[in-house]
Amino acid sequence: MAEATDDRLRLLIERIERLEEEKKGIADDIRDVYAEAKAVGYDAKIMRQIVRLRKMKPDDRAEMEMVLDTYKAALGLG
């Protein structure tokens, strides 16, 4: 029984390691795309913000923008 459990654990660990390696490769690819965008004149920092906003649900995005506007007004930022 213990050997089967050990094999299962080893297989799970190996899967996690493979997925972590794939994740690193994807992160490298994303970084390359941002570098390419920057090379042609786009602002990568703003692009990251846009990607983050597009991931949000519309209601959550609207609420965040409303709170942000409130904070900006309180600080005299327009």
N, C-alpha and C. Protein backbone atom coordinates (compact mmCIF):
# COMPACT_ATOMS: atom_id res chain seq x y z
N MET A 1 0.82 -1.20 0.00
CA MET A 1 0.00 0.00 0.00
C MET A 1 0.87 1.26 0.00
N ALA A 2 1.92 1.27 0.83
CA ALA A 2 2.78 2.45 0.93
C ALA A 2 3.47 2.74 -0.39
N GLU A 3 3.87 1.66 -1.11
CA GLU A 3 4.55 1.87 -2.39
C GLU A 3 3.62 2.54 -3.40
N ALA A 4 2.36 2.12 -3.44
CA ALA A 4 1.39 2.74 -4.34
C ALA A 4 1.18 4.20 -3.99
N THR A 5 1.14 4.49 -2.70
CA THR A 5 0.98 5.87 -2.24
C THR A 5 2.20 6.69 -2.61
N ASP A 6 3.39 6.10 -2.45
CA ASP A 6 4.63 6.80 -2.81
C ASP A 6 4.67 7.09 -4.31
N ASP A 7 4.25 6.12 -5.13
CA ASP A 7 4.22 6.32 -6.58
C ASP A 7 3.24 7.43 -6.94
N ARG A 8 2.09 7.42 -6.31
CA ARG A 8 1.08 8.45 -6.59
C ARG A 8 1.63 9.84 -6.24
N LEU A 9 2.27 9.95 -5.08
CA LEU A 9 2.85 11.21 -4.65
C LEU A 9 3.92 11.67 -5.64
N ARG A 10 4.79 10.75 -6.05
CA ARG A 10 5.85 11.09 -7.00
C ARG A 10 5.26 11.60 -8.31
N LEU A 11 4.21 10.92 -8.81
CA LEU A 11 3.56 11.33 -10.05
C LEU A 11 2.93 12.71 -9.92
N LEU A 12 2.31 12.98 -8.79
CA LEU A 12 1.71 14.29 -8.57
C LEU A 12 2.77 15.39 -8.54
N ILE A 13 3.85 15.13 -7.84
CA ILE A 13 4.96 16.09 -7.76
C ILE A 13 5.54 16.34 -9.15
N GLU A 14 5.73 15.28 -9.92
CA GLU A 14 6.27 15.44 -11.28
C GLU A 14 5.33 16.25 -12.16
N ARG A 15 4.03 16.04 -12.03
CA ARG A 15 3.06 16.84 -12.79
C ARG A 15 3.16 18.31 -12.42
N ILE A 16 3.25 18.58 -11.12
CA ILE A 16 3.38 19.97 -10.66
C ILE A 16 4.65 20.59 -11.23
N GLU A 17 5.74 19.85 -11.20
CA GLU A 17 6.99 20.37 -11.74
C GLU A 17 6.89 20.69 -13.23
N ARG A 18 6.24 19.81 -13.99
CA ARG A 18 6.05 20.07 -15.43
C ARG A 18 5.21 21.31 -15.65
N LEU A 19 4.13 21.43 -14.88
CA LEU A 19 3.26 22.59 -15.03
C LEU A 19 3.97 23.88 -14.64
N GLU A 20 4.79 23.83 -13.59
CA GLU A 20 5.57 25.01 -13.19
C GLU A 20 6.53 25.41 -14.31
N GLU A 21 7.12 24.43 -14.97
CA GLU A 21 8.03 24.71 -16.08
C GLU A 21 7.27 25.35 -17.25
N GLU A 22 6.07 24.83 -17.54
CA GLU A 22 5.24 25.42 -18.60
C GLU A 22 4.84 26.84 -18.24
N LYS A 23 4.50 27.05 -16.97
CA LYS A 23 4.11 28.39 -16.50
C LYS A 23 5.26 29.37 -16.69
N LYS A 24 6.48 28.93 -16.38
CA LYS A 24 7.65 29.78 -16.56
C LYS A 24 7.83 30.12 -18.04
N GLY A 25 7.64 29.14 -18.90
CA GLY A 25 7.76 29.39 -20.34
C GLY A 25 6.73 30.38 -20.84
N ILE A 26 5.51 30.26 -20.34
CA ILE A 26 4.45 31.19 -20.74
C ILE A 26 4.75 32.59 -20.22
N ALA A 27 5.23 32.68 -18.98
CA ALA A 27 5.60 33.99 -18.42
C ALA A 27 6.70 34.64 -19.26
N ASP A 28 7.66 33.84 -19.71
CA ASP A 28 8.73 34.36 -20.58
C ASP A 28 8.14 34.86 -21.90
N ASP A 29 7.19 34.12 -22.46
CA ASP A 29 6.56 34.53 -23.72
C ASP A 29 5.80 35.85 -23.54
N ILE A 30 5.09 35.99 -22.43
CA ILE A 30 4.35 37.23 -22.16
C ILE A 30 5.33 38.39 -22.03
N ARG A 31 6.41 38.18 -21.32
CA ARG A 31 7.43 39.22 -21.17
C ARG A 31 7.98 39.63 -22.54
N ASP A 32 8.18 38.67 -23.43
CA ASP A 32 8.66 38.97 -24.78
C ASP A 32 7.66 39.82 -25.55
N VAL A 33 6.37 39.55 -25.39
CA VAL A 33 5.34 40.33 -26.09
C VAL A 33 5.36 41.77 -25.59
N TYR A 34 5.47 41.95 -24.27
CA TYR A 34 5.55 43.31 -23.73
C TYR A 34 6.80 44.03 -24.24
N ALA A 35 7.92 43.32 -24.34
CA ALA A 35 9.15 43.91 -24.85
C ALA A 35 8.97 44.31 -26.32
N GLU A 36 8.30 43.47 -27.07
CA GLU A 36 8.03 43.79 -28.48
C GLU A 36 7.15 45.03 -28.59
N ALA A 37 6.12 45.10 -27.74
CA ALA A 37 5.23 46.26 -27.74
C ALA A 37 6.01 47.52 -27.40
N LYS A 38 6.87 47.43 -26.41
CA LYS A 38 7.67 48.59 -26.01
C LYS A 38 8.59 49.02 -27.15
N ALA A 39 9.14 48.05 -27.86
CA ALA A 39 10.06 48.34 -28.97
C ALA A 39 9.38 49.12 -30.09
N VAL A 40 8.08 48.95 -30.24
CA VAL A 40 7.37 49.68 -31.30
C VAL A 40 6.65 50.91 -30.77
N GLY A 41 6.92 51.26 -29.50
CA GLY A 41 6.43 52.52 -28.97
C GLY A 41 5.26 52.47 -28.01
N TYR A 42 4.77 51.29 -27.67
CA TYR A 42 3.67 51.20 -26.70
C TYR A 42 4.21 51.21 -25.28
N ASP A 43 3.39 51.67 -24.36
CA ASP A 43 3.75 51.71 -22.95
C ASP A 43 3.31 50.40 -22.29
N ALA A 44 4.29 49.56 -21.97
CA ALA A 44 4.00 48.23 -21.43
C ALA A 44 3.27 48.32 -20.09
N LYS A 45 3.60 49.32 -19.29
CA LYS A 45 2.96 49.48 -17.99
C LYS A 45 1.46 49.73 -18.16
N ILE A 46 1.11 50.58 -19.10
CA ILE A 46 -0.30 50.86 -19.38
C ILE A 46 -0.98 49.62 -19.97
N MET A 47 -0.27 48.90 -20.82
CA MET A 47 -0.84 47.68 -21.40
C MET A 47 -1.16 46.66 -20.31
N ARG A 48 -0.28 46.55 -19.31
CA ARG A 48 -0.54 45.63 -18.19
C ARG A 48 -1.80 46.04 -17.44
N GLN A 49 -1.99 47.35 -17.26
CA GLN A 49 -3.19 47.83 -16.59
C GLN A 49 -4.43 47.52 -17.41
N ILE A 50 -4.36 47.68 -18.71
CA ILE A 50 -5.49 47.39 -19.59
C ILE A 50 -5.84 45.90 -19.52
N VAL A 51 -4.82 45.05 -19.55
CA VAL A 51 -5.06 43.60 -19.46
C VAL A 51 -5.76 43.28 -18.14
N ARG A 52 -5.29 43.91 -17.05
CA ARG A 52 -5.90 43.68 -15.74
C ARG A 52 -7.36 44.16 -15.73
N LEU A 53 -7.63 45.31 -16.33
CA LEU A 53 -9.01 45.82 -16.39
C LEU A 53 -9.91 44.91 -17.23
N ARG A 54 -9.39 44.40 -18.32
CA ARG A 54 -10.20 43.54 -19.19
C ARG A 54 -10.56 42.21 -18.52
N LYS A 55 -9.75 41.79 -17.55
CA LYS A 55 -10.04 40.55 -16.82
C LYS A 55 -11.20 40.73 -15.84
N MET A 56 -11.44 41.98 -15.44
CA MET A 56 -12.45 42.25 -14.42
C MET A 56 -13.86 42.18 -15.00
N LYS A 57 -14.80 41.85 -14.14
CA LYS A 57 -16.20 41.92 -14.53
C LYS A 57 -16.58 43.40 -14.67
N PRO A 58 -17.47 43.72 -15.60
CA PRO A 58 -17.83 45.13 -15.81
C PRO A 58 -18.30 45.85 -14.54
N ASP A 59 -19.09 45.19 -13.72
CA ASP A 59 -19.56 45.83 -12.49
C ASP A 59 -18.40 46.10 -11.53
N ASP A 60 -17.49 45.14 -11.42
CA ASP A 60 -16.33 45.33 -10.54
C ASP A 60 -15.44 46.46 -11.05
N ARG A 61 -15.27 46.52 -12.37
CA ARG A 61 -14.46 47.58 -12.97
C ARG A 61 -15.09 48.94 -12.73
N ALA A 62 -16.41 49.05 -12.91
CA ALA A 62 -17.10 50.32 -12.69
C ALA A 62 -16.98 50.75 -11.23
N GLU A 63 -17.13 49.80 -10.32
CA GLU A 63 -17.02 50.13 -8.89
C GLU A 63 -15.60 50.61 -8.56
N MET A 64 -14.60 49.92 -9.09
CA MET A 64 -13.21 50.32 -8.83
C MET A 64 -12.95 51.72 -9.37
N GLU A 65 -13.44 52.00 -10.59
CA GLU A 65 -13.23 53.32 -11.18
C GLU A 65 -13.94 54.41 -10.37
N MET A 66 -15.11 54.10 -9.84
CA MET A 66 -15.85 55.06 -9.02
C MET A 66 -15.07 55.37 -7.74
N VAL A 67 -14.57 54.34 -7.09
CA VAL A 67 -13.80 54.54 -5.86
C VAL A 67 -12.50 55.30 -6.17
N LEU A 68 -11.85 54.95 -7.27
CA LEU A 68 -10.63 55.64 -7.67
C LEU A 68 -10.91 57.12 -7.91
N ASP A 69 -12.00 57.43 -8.61
CA ASP A 69 -12.37 58.83 -8.85
C ASP A 69 -12.63 59.56 -7.54
N THR A 70 -13.29 58.89 -6.59
CA THR A 70 -13.56 59.49 -5.28
C THR A 70 -12.26 59.81 -4.56
N TYR A 71 -11.33 58.87 -4.57
CA TYR A 71 -10.04 59.08 -3.90
C TYR A 71 -9.26 60.20 -4.58
N LYS A 72 -9.25 60.20 -5.92
CA LYS A 72 -8.54 61.24 -6.65
C LYS A 72 -9.11 62.61 -6.33
N ALA A 73 -10.45 62.73 -6.28
CA ALA A 73 -11.09 64.00 -5.97
C ALA A 73 -10.72 64.44 -4.55
N ALA A 74 -10.70 63.51 -3.61
CA ALA A 74 -10.37 63.84 -2.22
C ALA A 74 -8.93 64.35 -2.10
N LEU A 75 -8.07 63.89 -2.99
CA LEU A 75 -6.66 64.29 -2.96
C LEU A 75 -6.36 65.43 -3.92
N GLY A 76 -7.40 65.95 -4.59
CA GLY A 76 -7.20 67.07 -5.51
C GLY A 76 -6.49 66.68 -6.79
N LEU A 77 -6.66 65.43 -7.20
CA LEU A 77 -5.99 64.97 -8.42
C LEU A 77 -6.87 65.04 -9.65
N GLY A 78 -8.01 65.65 -9.50
CA GLY A 78 -8.85 65.86 -10.66
C GLY A 78 -9.99 64.95 -10.74
